[in-house]
Structure formats: C-alpha cells, structure tokens
Amino acid sequence: MATKEDKIPKSLLTIALVLVLGAIAPMLDGTMVNIALSDFSMAFNASLDNIQWIVTGYILATGIAVPFSGWLIQRFDGKKVYIAAQVVFLMGSITSGLSWNLTSMVVFRVIQGFGAGLIIPLLTTLLMQVSGQEKVGRLMSIVGLPIVLGPIVGPVIGGVLVDYLSWHWIFFVNVPVVFISLYFITTKLPSFPPANQQARLDWFGILILGTISVSLIYGITEAAHRAGFNNTRTISFIIVGALLTIIYAIYAATNKKNVVVPLNLFRHRSFIGSFCGLFLAGIGTNGPMLLLPLFFQNVRNDSIILAALTLIPQGVGMLLARPLIGRMIDRMGAKIVVINSIAVSLAGTIPFIWVDQNTNYWILAAVLLIRGIGVGGVTLPLMSDAYTGLTKMQIPQASIATRIIQNIGGAFGSAVLATIVASQIDHAAPDVAQLTSAYQSGFLTASILIVVMIIPSLFLTNKMASKVTPKQQRN
C-alpha cells in the first residue's frame, strides 16, 4: 500500500490533468484527419499526392514550432504560453474547417500544426517543473493519456463524423474541446514564472533545428509516398538534414551558452539512452500503428470503423499498463521497465508475421491487448528518463530534443514499414496472398527493430542497482 509520501498531492494531480486536457485535441486531430483523406480528395478535386500536403504541412509545422517552445517558456510565464498555444491551435482548427480549396486548407493546417507543435513539449516541460524525480513516472503516465487515446478514439470519431456529417466537423469538433481546456487552464493552472526573462532567442539554432526537422521529415515522407528511399527528393532532403545536423553540432559546441539544445545534455547516460530509444521506438513500436489499420482494411476488407474498433484492445492494453508502468519507473527505474516491455511488445508483434485474412478476431484481440501493454511500457519510461539528473534550465532543452527525435523517428518508422510493404506489392501479383505477405514482412521488420531497442535501454537508469551518484550518471 502506498504511503502518504508515495501519493501524488491533489494539487499536483490537478495540474497534470489540466495540462493533459490541453493536449487531447491535438492528439486526436492527427488520427481523425488521416481518416478523411479520400473525402478531401473528392471535395477539392485533387489527387491523393497533393492531398497528402494536408498531413505533411501539419507535420512540418509541428517540427518548426518545437524549438520555439523552449525559448518561450524561459522568457514568458508558462501558463500564458500554454494558453497562447491553445488559441493558435483553435484558430487553425476553425479556419481549416472553413477551407474552400486545397491551398487554403494547407495554409490553415500549418497554423494548426504550429499550435500543436508548441503544446506537446510545453506540456512535458511544465509538468517536469512542478514534479520531483521520485514521482515523474506516475505523472508521465498521466501525460501519456492523449498519446494513447489518439490512436484508439481518433479513427472511430473521425469515421463517424465523416460518414454521418462531413469532413468539416473533423476540425469543428476541436472547438468545444479547446474551449473547455482553456477554461480549466485559466482557472486551475498556476502561473509558471519564466526561468530566465533575459533569455535571448537563438534564432540561428531554432532555424537550423527547424530546418533539420523539416528536411528529414519531408524527405522520409516522400519515401513513403514514392515507395522507396531511392528517389531524388528523399535522398536530397535527407542529405540536407544530415549536413545541417553537423552544422548545428559545430555551432552548439562553439556557442555553449544560449543555444536552444546544448550538447551537454549528451553527457548524461540516461539522456543518450532515451534519445536513441525514442527514435527506434518510432520505427519498432509506432510504425506498426500505421500498418495495422491498413492491414485490416486492405487484407481483411474491413471498413474504416470496423478496423478502428478492432484496434481498441491495443489501446486498452496501453491504458491498463499506464498506472502500473508509472509506479514501476519510480521504484525500479526506466531500464528494467523498458527491457521487460520490449519482451511483451515482441510477444504482441511477432504473431502478425503469420496473421492473415482468416485469423479469428478473438485471437487478434488477445494479441493486440498484449502488444498494447508492451508498447505502453516502452515510450513512457524513455520519455521520463530523459530528464534524470538535469537542472531546471535543461528541462525545456531536453523537451525540445526529445520531441524533435520523436517526430523524426515516428515519420521514419512509418516510411520504412510503408516502403517495405509497398515495394513488395509493386513487385508481386496483385492477389490477397501476396498482399498478406507484404504486410507480414513489415511486421517482421518492426519485430527486429524492437529487439534493437535493447541496446539504448542499457543506458537508462536502474534504481534496483546500487545507488548511482550524479557523477556516475554523467559518465
């Protein structure tokens, strides 16, 4: 039984829940919009290649916004910055719903994406500022709720809105959610005094990091659209992203003060493990999130809503794992939790190497439940351990770095698995057996990469071992 010291204070729990409420609309939005791409194509009389910019523009805008969040929270009151981010997202949602052609839609989605790109790192940073390291696991399990709810509820809500109303309501549904969030943020959230009102905006660093995100994510997205990494656009943008990464590393090494993401973060073993693990998690655990609904629709001929309902056990598993995982992180450290969660994730992913159009739904539900429990225990401790041993000033810097690598890893994971499936389909007879085999290859790749995640997990914190000094954590 938890002691009084173990319990999270009611005031802290309230702050966490209010912050999470502010992130629900952005997390639902992405999965709802993906459902309506065909409707957008018909409404705007545009090809799916052009319609993809509705998604790509949003993703790129989030990548640009992330580096700004660290400076904003150092320079201004965190509460006011969070409210401003909500307002930007709200205006983007309203105008997206009022779009009259593809160009206007893409422009308004960029505005919406910029707001969303501020909200997620702000959420993590503000929560870390009010919590101690001993309670970070349980609090991060609350923060993870929107990440879990998005893939579960988003496709179902999106499918219902598109089928019974219109695509406009995918955006308009955000309006009441954001207004409710703004009410609670205004009335229940305390002020977060700026850490450094004299902080200068690192324009060069933000420009470079934003461009790195845009270059890599766009290049990777093009690989997914063009069924391979050997097209000119993908190669060019990935090379640009890699060169800019080198330039930023040189810049950060020679300008150690006032850089948006300083290199001294990488002196911490736990940060290195988290950083690399979050990238691999985007491929091994998040990548199959893209394949699963497509598998159910294309191989098993399920409707959009049925495919979304079939995935509910995976979300239930993630929800069930969250409270337990949070406590385990606080008591044992991230290392043990991640390694065990990797094993459970494998147990829930490997069976899809053999699943086909005839597999019983009850078997699928059981496997997805197991997979959800495993996936729920991978990302959460990786995110939590990124802040171990950091100073208050480094917390927003770490939030920016981890959010950027999550965005890039998620895009990379989706592109890699989509490319593997698409390339096999393009070189095979168009029948169900070959289609099934292509998706099975994607799940095999994901399983292999989940195993690779064990390597960075070895750098994470282990509270069960002898007490680790701050000096040991940095070495």
Protein backbone atom coordinates (compact mmCIF):
# COMPACT_ATOMS: atom_id res chain seq x y z
CA MET A 1 0.00 0.00 0.00
CA ALA A 2 1.28 3.46 -0.91
CA THR A 3 2.39 5.67 1.96
CA LYS A 4 1.43 9.33 2.23
CA GLU A 5 4.87 10.19 0.88
CA ASP A 6 4.25 7.96 -2.17
CA LYS A 7 0.92 9.52 -3.07
CA ILE A 8 0.79 12.31 -5.60
CA PRO A 9 -0.56 15.50 -3.97
CA LYS A 10 -4.02 16.51 -5.18
CA SER A 11 -2.75 19.90 -6.34
CA LEU A 12 -0.04 18.25 -8.47
CA LEU A 13 -2.51 15.74 -9.89
CA THR A 14 -4.87 18.59 -10.84
CA ILE A 15 -2.07 20.38 -12.69
CA ALA A 16 -1.19 17.19 -14.59
CA LEU A 17 -4.82 16.54 -15.60
CA VAL A 18 -5.37 20.12 -16.77
CA LEU A 19 -2.18 20.03 -18.84
CA VAL A 20 -3.23 16.72 -20.37
CA LEU A 21 -6.69 18.07 -21.19
CA GLY A 22 -4.99 20.75 -23.28
CA ALA A 23 -3.23 18.10 -25.38
CA ILE A 24 -6.23 15.89 -26.17
CA ALA A 25 -7.49 17.86 -29.20
CA PRO A 26 -4.08 17.95 -31.00
CA MET A 27 -3.52 14.22 -30.42
CA LEU A 28 -7.00 13.30 -31.69
CA ASP A 29 -6.74 15.63 -34.67
CA GLY A 30 -3.98 13.76 -36.47
CA THR A 31 -5.71 10.39 -36.47
CA MET A 32 -9.08 11.91 -37.44
CA VAL A 33 -7.65 13.80 -40.43
CA ASN A 34 -5.96 10.66 -41.79
CA ILE A 35 -9.37 9.01 -41.99
CA ALA A 36 -10.77 11.75 -44.27
CA LEU A 37 -8.06 11.99 -46.96
CA SER A 38 -10.29 10.41 -49.64
CA ASP A 39 -13.09 12.87 -48.79
CA PHE A 40 -10.66 15.78 -49.09
CA SER A 41 -9.60 14.47 -52.49
CA MET A 42 -13.19 14.50 -53.75
CA ALA A 43 -14.10 17.83 -52.11
CA PHE A 44 -11.11 19.69 -53.56
CA ASN A 45 -10.90 17.70 -56.80
CA ALA A 46 -7.24 16.93 -56.15
CA SER A 47 -5.06 13.83 -56.41
CA LEU A 48 -4.06 11.95 -53.25
CA ASP A 49 -0.43 13.02 -53.84
CA ASN A 50 -1.48 16.67 -53.48
CA ILE A 51 -3.95 15.92 -50.69
CA GLN A 52 -1.08 14.44 -48.64
CA TRP A 53 0.12 18.01 -48.11
CA ILE A 54 -2.78 18.44 -45.66
CA VAL A 55 -0.96 15.94 -43.43
CA THR A 56 2.61 16.82 -44.44
CA GLY A 57 2.11 20.56 -43.90
CA TYR A 58 0.78 19.92 -40.41
CA ILE A 59 3.70 17.63 -39.51
CA LEU A 60 6.29 20.05 -40.84
CA ALA A 61 4.72 22.94 -38.90
CA THR A 62 4.95 20.96 -35.65
CA GLY A 63 8.64 20.37 -36.38
CA ILE A 64 9.23 24.10 -36.83
CA ALA A 65 7.30 25.00 -33.65
CA VAL A 66 9.10 22.64 -31.27
CA PRO A 67 12.39 24.63 -30.99
CA PHE A 68 10.42 27.83 -30.21
CA SER A 69 8.77 26.26 -27.16
CA GLY A 70 11.98 26.17 -25.10
CA TRP A 71 12.70 29.88 -25.53
CA LEU A 72 9.07 30.90 -24.94
CA ILE A 73 8.87 29.07 -21.63
CA GLN A 74 12.15 30.57 -20.41
CA ARG A 75 11.17 34.09 -21.45
CA PHE A 76 7.46 34.22 -20.51
CA ASP A 77 5.01 32.83 -17.95
CA GLY A 78 4.42 29.15 -18.82
CA LYS A 79 0.67 29.41 -18.23
CA LYS A 80 0.31 32.30 -20.69
CA VAL A 81 2.40 30.50 -23.29
CA TYR A 82 0.22 27.37 -22.95
CA ILE A 83 -2.93 29.47 -23.37
CA ALA A 84 -1.45 31.19 -26.45
CA ALA A 85 -0.60 27.78 -27.98
CA GLN A 86 -4.19 26.64 -27.41
CA VAL A 87 -5.53 29.77 -29.12
CA VAL A 88 -3.27 29.26 -32.16
CA PHE A 89 -4.44 25.64 -32.45
CA LEU A 90 -8.08 26.77 -32.06
CA MET A 91 -7.80 29.37 -34.83
CA GLY A 92 -6.13 26.81 -37.08
CA SER A 93 -8.95 24.33 -36.42
CA ILE A 94 -11.73 26.82 -37.17
CA THR A 95 -10.15 28.09 -40.37
CA SER A 96 -9.29 24.54 -41.54
CA GLY A 97 -12.97 23.63 -41.19
CA LEU A 98 -13.87 26.69 -43.30
CA SER A 99 -11.34 25.89 -46.06
CA TRP A 100 -12.62 26.46 -49.60
CA ASN A 101 -9.79 24.82 -51.58
CA LEU A 102 -6.65 22.75 -51.10
CA THR A 103 -4.31 25.75 -50.83
CA SER A 104 -6.33 27.37 -48.04
CA MET A 105 -6.58 24.03 -46.24
CA VAL A 106 -2.80 23.51 -46.29
CA VAL A 107 -2.15 27.09 -45.04
CA PHE A 108 -4.63 26.73 -42.17
CA ARG A 109 -3.30 23.29 -41.29
CA VAL A 110 0.19 24.82 -40.98
CA ILE A 111 -1.23 27.29 -38.42
CA GLN A 112 -2.95 24.44 -36.59
CA GLY A 113 0.23 22.35 -36.68
CA PHE A 114 2.32 25.19 -35.25
CA GLY A 115 -0.03 25.42 -32.26
CA ALA A 116 0.10 21.65 -31.75
CA GLY A 117 3.88 21.71 -32.05
CA LEU A 118 4.04 24.13 -29.11
CA ILE A 119 1.50 22.30 -26.93
CA ILE A 120 3.18 18.89 -26.57
CA PRO A 121 6.70 19.99 -25.44
CA LEU A 122 5.14 22.70 -23.24
CA LEU A 123 3.02 20.04 -21.55
CA THR A 124 6.08 17.95 -20.69
CA THR A 125 8.23 20.89 -19.63
CA LEU A 126 5.62 22.43 -17.33
CA LEU A 127 4.90 19.11 -15.67
CA MET A 128 8.58 18.43 -15.07
CA GLN A 129 8.96 21.85 -13.46
CA VAL A 130 6.35 21.10 -10.78
CA SER A 131 7.18 17.43 -10.13
CA GLY A 132 10.11 15.79 -8.40
CA GLN A 133 12.14 12.96 -9.90
CA GLU A 134 10.59 10.50 -7.45
CA LYS A 135 7.08 10.99 -8.91
CA VAL A 136 7.94 11.60 -12.55
CA GLY A 137 6.97 8.08 -13.69
CA ARG A 138 3.42 8.25 -12.39
CA LEU A 139 2.94 11.79 -13.68
CA MET A 140 4.28 10.87 -17.12
CA SER A 141 1.77 8.01 -17.20
CA ILE A 142 -0.94 10.67 -16.96
CA VAL A 143 0.75 12.78 -19.64
CA GLY A 144 0.74 9.76 -21.94
CA LEU A 145 -3.05 9.53 -21.95
CA PRO A 146 -3.56 11.71 -25.06
CA ILE A 147 -0.92 9.66 -26.89
CA VAL A 148 -2.92 6.52 -26.07
CA LEU A 149 -6.37 7.99 -26.69
CA GLY A 150 -5.45 9.41 -30.12
CA PRO A 151 -5.00 6.09 -31.97
CA ILE A 152 -7.96 4.49 -30.13
CA VAL A 153 -10.66 7.12 -30.23
CA GLY A 154 -9.50 9.30 -33.14
CA PRO A 155 -10.25 6.92 -36.03
CA VAL A 156 -13.65 5.98 -34.56
CA ILE A 157 -14.70 9.61 -34.01
CA GLY A 158 -13.29 10.60 -37.41
CA GLY A 159 -15.11 7.76 -39.18
CA VAL A 160 -18.43 8.66 -37.55
CA LEU A 161 -18.07 12.39 -38.32
CA VAL A 162 -17.16 11.76 -41.97
CA ASP A 163 -19.90 9.14 -42.51
CA TYR A 164 -22.76 10.99 -40.79
CA LEU A 165 -21.81 14.69 -41.07
CA SER A 166 -18.92 15.94 -43.23
CA TRP A 167 -15.14 16.39 -43.20
CA HIS A 168 -15.62 19.95 -41.87
CA TRP A 169 -16.60 18.54 -38.47
CA ILE A 170 -13.25 16.81 -38.04
CA PHE A 171 -11.93 20.32 -37.35
CA PHE A 172 -15.01 21.89 -35.77
CA VAL A 173 -15.13 19.16 -33.10
CA ASN A 174 -11.89 20.62 -31.71
CA VAL A 175 -13.63 23.91 -30.86
CA PRO A 176 -15.61 22.81 -27.77
CA VAL A 177 -12.69 20.66 -26.57
CA VAL A 178 -10.28 23.61 -26.73
CA PHE A 179 -12.76 25.98 -25.05
CA ILE A 180 -13.18 23.52 -22.17
CA SER A 181 -9.38 23.21 -21.95
CA LEU A 182 -8.96 26.98 -21.90
CA TYR A 183 -11.48 27.30 -19.07
CA PHE A 184 -9.63 24.82 -16.85
CA ILE A 185 -6.18 26.14 -17.82
CA THR A 186 -7.28 29.67 -16.91
CA THR A 187 -8.96 28.74 -13.62
CA LYS A 188 -6.97 25.75 -12.33
CA LEU A 189 -3.44 26.07 -13.65
CA PRO A 190 -0.98 28.11 -11.54
CA SER A 191 1.48 30.56 -13.01
CA PHE A 192 4.87 29.24 -14.11
CA PRO A 193 7.38 32.11 -13.64
CA PRO A 194 9.87 32.36 -16.51
CA ALA A 195 13.21 30.73 -15.73
CA ASN A 196 15.21 33.43 -17.50
CA GLN A 197 13.47 36.62 -18.64
CA GLN A 198 16.70 37.79 -20.22
CA ALA A 199 16.95 34.69 -22.39
CA ARG A 200 17.79 35.57 -25.96
CA LEU A 201 16.07 33.87 -28.83
CA ASP A 202 18.60 31.61 -30.50
CA TRP A 203 17.38 32.42 -33.99
CA PHE A 204 20.19 30.54 -35.72
CA GLY A 205 19.76 27.42 -33.58
CA ILE A 206 15.97 27.44 -33.96
CA LEU A 207 16.27 27.98 -37.72
CA ILE A 208 18.75 25.10 -38.06
CA LEU A 209 16.79 22.69 -35.84
CA GLY A 210 13.51 23.58 -37.54
CA THR A 211 15.06 23.07 -40.96
CA ILE A 212 16.60 19.75 -39.86
CA SER A 213 13.16 18.53 -38.78
CA VAL A 214 11.50 19.76 -41.97
CA SER A 215 14.20 18.31 -44.24
CA LEU A 216 14.31 14.87 -42.64
CA ILE A 217 10.55 14.52 -42.12
CA TYR A 218 9.73 15.72 -45.64
CA GLY A 219 12.40 13.51 -47.19
CA ILE A 220 11.20 10.49 -45.25
CA THR A 221 7.55 11.25 -46.05
CA GLU A 222 8.40 11.38 -49.75
CA ALA A 223 9.94 7.91 -49.41
CA ALA A 224 6.63 6.60 -48.10
CA HIS A 225 4.68 8.27 -50.93
CA ARG A 226 7.07 7.07 -53.63
CA ALA A 227 7.53 3.53 -52.24
CA GLY A 228 11.26 3.76 -51.65
CA PHE A 229 14.22 5.74 -50.36
CA ASN A 230 15.93 5.79 -53.77
CA ASN A 231 14.05 8.79 -55.20
CA THR A 232 15.81 12.12 -55.75
CA ARG A 233 13.68 14.15 -53.33
CA THR A 234 14.19 11.76 -50.43
CA ILE A 235 17.94 11.50 -50.94
CA SER A 236 18.36 15.26 -51.37
CA PHE A 237 16.37 16.24 -48.28
CA ILE A 238 17.96 13.57 -46.09
CA ILE A 239 21.43 14.75 -47.17
CA VAL A 240 20.45 18.36 -46.38
CA GLY A 241 19.14 17.26 -42.97
CA ALA A 242 22.35 15.35 -42.22
CA LEU A 243 24.59 18.27 -43.23
CA LEU A 244 22.53 20.70 -41.14
CA THR A 245 22.85 18.34 -38.16
CA ILE A 246 26.64 18.52 -38.46
CA ILE A 247 26.46 22.32 -38.76
CA TYR A 248 24.30 22.53 -35.66
CA ALA A 249 26.67 20.28 -33.69
CA ILE A 250 29.60 22.56 -34.59
CA TYR A 251 27.55 25.65 -33.73
CA ALA A 252 26.41 24.25 -30.35
CA ALA A 253 29.96 23.14 -29.49
CA THR A 254 31.40 26.61 -30.16
CA ASN A 255 28.49 28.56 -28.60
CA LYS A 256 27.82 26.76 -25.34
CA LYS A 257 25.60 29.49 -23.90
CA ASN A 258 22.10 30.37 -25.09
CA VAL A 259 21.81 27.52 -27.59
CA VAL A 260 18.36 26.01 -27.86
CA VAL A 261 19.62 22.41 -27.44
CA PRO A 262 23.10 22.32 -25.84
CA LEU A 263 25.37 19.35 -26.39
CA ASN A 264 26.00 18.98 -22.65
CA LEU A 265 22.69 17.07 -22.46
CA PHE A 266 24.56 14.16 -24.02
CA ARG A 267 26.87 13.95 -21.00
CA HIS A 268 24.04 12.12 -19.25
CA ARG A 269 23.86 8.40 -19.99
CA SER A 270 20.12 8.31 -19.39
CA PHE A 271 19.54 11.13 -21.90
CA ILE A 272 21.59 9.32 -24.57
CA GLY A 273 19.61 6.13 -23.97
CA SER A 274 16.30 7.98 -24.09
CA PHE A 275 17.23 9.95 -27.20
CA CYS A 276 18.27 6.89 -29.20
CA GLY A 277 15.49 4.72 -27.76
CA LEU A 278 12.77 7.23 -28.72
CA PHE A 279 14.00 7.22 -32.32
CA LEU A 280 13.93 3.42 -32.51
CA ALA A 281 10.53 3.37 -30.77
CA GLY A 282 9.19 5.42 -33.67
CA ILE A 283 10.16 2.59 -36.03
CA GLY A 284 9.57 -0.52 -33.94
CA THR A 285 6.51 0.39 -31.90
CA ASN A 286 4.84 3.35 -33.66
CA GLY A 287 5.48 2.13 -37.22
CA PRO A 288 3.08 -0.81 -36.86
CA MET A 289 0.41 1.69 -35.74
CA LEU A 290 0.29 2.71 -39.42
CA LEU A 291 0.35 -0.85 -40.77
CA LEU A 292 -2.36 -2.32 -38.56
CA PRO A 293 -5.37 -0.30 -39.79
CA LEU A 294 -4.18 -0.67 -43.40
CA PHE A 295 -3.78 -4.43 -42.87
CA PHE A 296 -7.33 -4.76 -41.60
CA GLN A 297 -8.75 -2.66 -44.44
CA ASN A 298 -6.69 -3.98 -47.36
CA VAL A 299 -6.13 -7.63 -46.42
CA ARG A 300 -9.23 -8.40 -44.37
CA ASN A 301 -11.51 -5.94 -46.25
CA ASP A 302 -12.76 -4.31 -43.04
CA SER A 303 -14.48 -0.93 -43.10
CA ILE A 304 -12.74 2.09 -41.58
CA ILE A 305 -14.90 1.95 -38.46
CA LEU A 306 -14.52 -1.84 -38.05
CA ALA A 307 -10.73 -1.52 -38.42
CA ALA A 308 -10.74 1.19 -35.75
CA LEU A 309 -12.87 -0.95 -33.43
CA THR A 310 -10.57 -3.95 -33.97
CA LEU A 311 -7.64 -1.87 -32.69
CA ILE A 312 -9.38 -0.99 -29.42
CA PRO A 313 -7.82 -3.93 -27.47
CA GLN A 314 -4.37 -2.48 -28.22
CA GLY A 315 -5.44 0.84 -26.74
CA VAL A 316 -7.00 -0.90 -23.75
CA GLY A 317 -3.69 -2.67 -23.13
CA MET A 318 -1.85 0.65 -23.23
CA LEU A 319 -4.35 2.19 -20.80
CA LEU A 320 -4.07 -0.77 -18.42
CA ALA A 321 -0.28 -0.58 -18.47
CA ARG A 322 0.00 3.17 -17.77
CA PRO A 323 -0.61 3.31 -13.99
CA LEU A 324 1.48 0.21 -13.30
CA ILE A 325 4.31 1.37 -15.55
CA GLY A 326 4.40 4.76 -13.82
CA ARG A 327 4.86 3.16 -10.40
CA MET A 328 7.48 0.74 -11.72
CA ILE A 329 9.52 3.60 -13.19
CA ASP A 330 9.52 5.45 -9.86
CA ARG A 331 10.54 2.32 -7.92
CA MET A 332 12.83 0.41 -10.29
CA GLY A 333 13.99 2.93 -12.87
CA ALA A 334 13.47 3.03 -16.62
CA LYS A 335 15.99 0.33 -17.62
CA ILE A 336 14.19 -2.71 -16.17
CA VAL A 337 10.78 -1.41 -17.29
CA VAL A 338 11.85 -0.85 -20.89
CA ILE A 339 13.61 -4.22 -21.28
CA ASN A 340 10.60 -6.11 -19.93
CA SER A 341 8.22 -4.03 -22.05
CA ILE A 342 10.29 -4.80 -25.15
CA ALA A 343 9.75 -8.52 -24.46
CA VAL A 344 5.99 -8.02 -24.11
CA SER A 345 5.89 -5.85 -27.25
CA LEU A 346 7.60 -8.62 -29.19
CA ALA A 347 5.07 -11.14 -27.91
CA GLY A 348 2.33 -8.90 -29.31
CA THR A 349 4.02 -8.06 -32.63
CA ILE A 350 5.65 -11.32 -33.79
CA PRO A 351 2.28 -13.13 -34.26
CA PHE A 352 1.39 -10.65 -37.02
CA ILE A 353 4.13 -12.23 -39.12
CA TRP A 354 1.65 -15.12 -39.57
CA VAL A 355 -1.73 -13.39 -39.25
CA ASP A 356 -3.82 -13.46 -42.45
CA GLN A 357 -7.35 -12.71 -43.65
CA ASN A 358 -8.74 -15.82 -41.92
CA THR A 359 -7.33 -15.28 -38.44
CA ASN A 360 -10.05 -15.22 -35.78
CA TYR A 361 -10.90 -11.78 -34.36
CA TRP A 362 -10.65 -13.10 -30.79
CA ILE A 363 -7.05 -14.15 -31.44
CA LEU A 364 -6.31 -10.72 -32.91
CA ALA A 365 -7.89 -9.04 -29.88
CA ALA A 366 -5.73 -11.07 -27.47
CA VAL A 367 -2.52 -10.37 -29.40
CA LEU A 368 -3.32 -6.66 -29.70
CA LEU A 369 -4.06 -6.45 -25.97
CA ILE A 370 -0.61 -7.92 -25.22
CA ARG A 371 1.00 -5.59 -27.74
CA GLY A 372 -0.71 -2.58 -26.17
CA ILE A 373 0.60 -3.49 -22.72
CA GLY A 374 4.15 -3.78 -24.09
CA VAL A 375 4.07 -0.60 -26.18
CA GLY A 376 2.61 1.29 -23.22
CA GLY A 377 5.70 0.39 -21.22
CA VAL A 378 8.30 1.41 -23.80
CA THR A 379 7.80 5.08 -24.68
CA LEU A 380 6.77 6.27 -21.22
CA PRO A 381 10.00 5.33 -19.34
CA LEU A 382 12.10 6.55 -22.26
CA MET A 383 10.44 9.96 -22.04
CA SER A 384 10.73 10.04 -18.24
CA ASP A 385 14.40 9.08 -18.06
CA ALA A 386 15.42 11.82 -20.49
CA TYR A 387 15.16 14.27 -17.57
CA THR A 388 17.10 12.29 -14.98
CA GLY A 389 19.84 14.38 -13.41
CA LEU A 390 19.04 17.54 -15.42
CA THR A 391 18.86 21.03 -13.99
CA LYS A 392 15.71 23.18 -14.21
CA MET A 393 17.29 25.14 -17.06
CA GLN A 394 17.95 21.94 -19.03
CA ILE A 395 14.40 20.58 -18.80
CA PRO A 396 12.92 22.67 -21.66
CA GLN A 397 16.06 21.98 -23.71
CA ALA A 398 15.60 18.23 -23.21
CA SER A 399 11.89 18.54 -24.09
CA ILE A 400 12.81 20.11 -27.42
CA ALA A 401 15.44 17.48 -28.24
CA THR A 402 13.24 14.51 -27.35
CA ARG A 403 10.23 15.91 -29.18
CA ILE A 404 12.27 16.50 -32.35
CA ILE A 405 13.66 12.97 -32.31
CA GLN A 406 10.18 11.54 -31.66
CA ASN A 407 8.81 13.43 -34.66
CA ILE A 408 11.64 12.25 -36.89
CA GLY A 409 11.52 8.68 -35.54
CA GLY A 410 7.75 8.46 -36.00
CA ALA A 411 7.99 9.69 -39.60
CA PHE A 412 10.95 7.39 -40.28
CA GLY A 413 9.16 4.37 -38.79
CA SER A 414 6.01 4.91 -40.84
CA ALA A 415 8.03 5.47 -44.01
CA VAL A 416 10.29 2.43 -43.56
CA LEU A 417 7.45 -0.01 -42.94
CA ALA A 418 5.19 1.54 -45.61
CA THR A 419 8.06 1.36 -48.11
CA ILE A 420 8.74 -2.32 -47.34
CA VAL A 421 5.06 -3.18 -47.84
CA ALA A 422 4.64 -1.03 -50.97
CA SER A 423 7.83 -2.33 -52.65
CA GLN A 424 6.72 -5.96 -52.22
CA ILE A 425 3.25 -5.18 -53.55
CA ASP A 426 4.70 -3.41 -56.61
CA HIS A 427 6.86 -6.45 -57.47
CA ALA A 428 4.23 -9.12 -56.92
CA ALA A 429 0.99 -10.38 -58.39
CA PRO A 430 -1.98 -8.36 -57.07
CA ASP A 431 -3.64 -11.11 -55.04
CA VAL A 432 -4.56 -11.50 -51.36
CA ALA A 433 -1.72 -13.94 -50.62
CA GLN A 434 0.97 -11.54 -51.90
CA LEU A 435 -0.69 -8.59 -50.18
CA THR A 436 -0.72 -10.52 -46.91
CA SER A 437 2.94 -11.48 -47.34
CA ALA A 438 3.90 -7.84 -47.90
CA TYR A 439 2.31 -6.73 -44.63
CA GLN A 440 3.85 -9.69 -42.80
CA SER A 441 7.29 -8.52 -43.96
CA GLY A 442 6.55 -5.12 -42.46
CA PHE A 443 5.72 -6.67 -39.09
CA LEU A 444 8.88 -8.81 -39.27
CA THR A 445 10.97 -5.66 -39.77
CA ALA A 446 9.23 -3.98 -36.83
CA SER A 447 9.96 -7.00 -34.63
CA ILE A 448 13.66 -6.91 -35.48
CA LEU A 449 13.89 -3.20 -34.67
CA ILE A 450 12.08 -3.72 -31.36
CA VAL A 451 14.89 -6.10 -30.40
CA VAL A 452 17.50 -3.47 -31.36
CA MET A 453 15.89 -1.13 -28.80
CA ILE A 454 17.50 -3.23 -26.07
CA ILE A 455 20.85 -1.54 -26.84
CA PRO A 456 19.91 2.05 -25.84
CA SER A 457 17.83 0.74 -22.94
CA LEU A 458 21.08 -0.42 -21.29
CA PHE A 459 21.99 3.26 -20.77
CA LEU A 460 18.85 4.00 -18.76
CA THR A 461 18.50 4.40 -15.00
CA ASN A 462 18.38 1.28 -12.81
CA LYS A 463 17.14 2.13 -9.32
CA MET A 464 17.35 -1.51 -8.26
CA ALA A 465 21.14 -1.46 -8.54
CA SER A 466 23.40 0.21 -6.00
CA LYS A 467 22.77 3.92 -5.55
CA VAL A 468 24.06 5.87 -8.52
CA THR A 469 25.77 9.19 -7.93
CA PRO A 470 25.20 12.18 -10.24
CA LYS A 471 28.81 11.87 -11.38
CA GLN A 472 28.25 8.23 -12.43
CA GLN A 473 25.10 9.18 -14.36
CA ARG A 474 27.08 11.66 -16.43
CA ASN A 475 29.96 9.31 -17.17
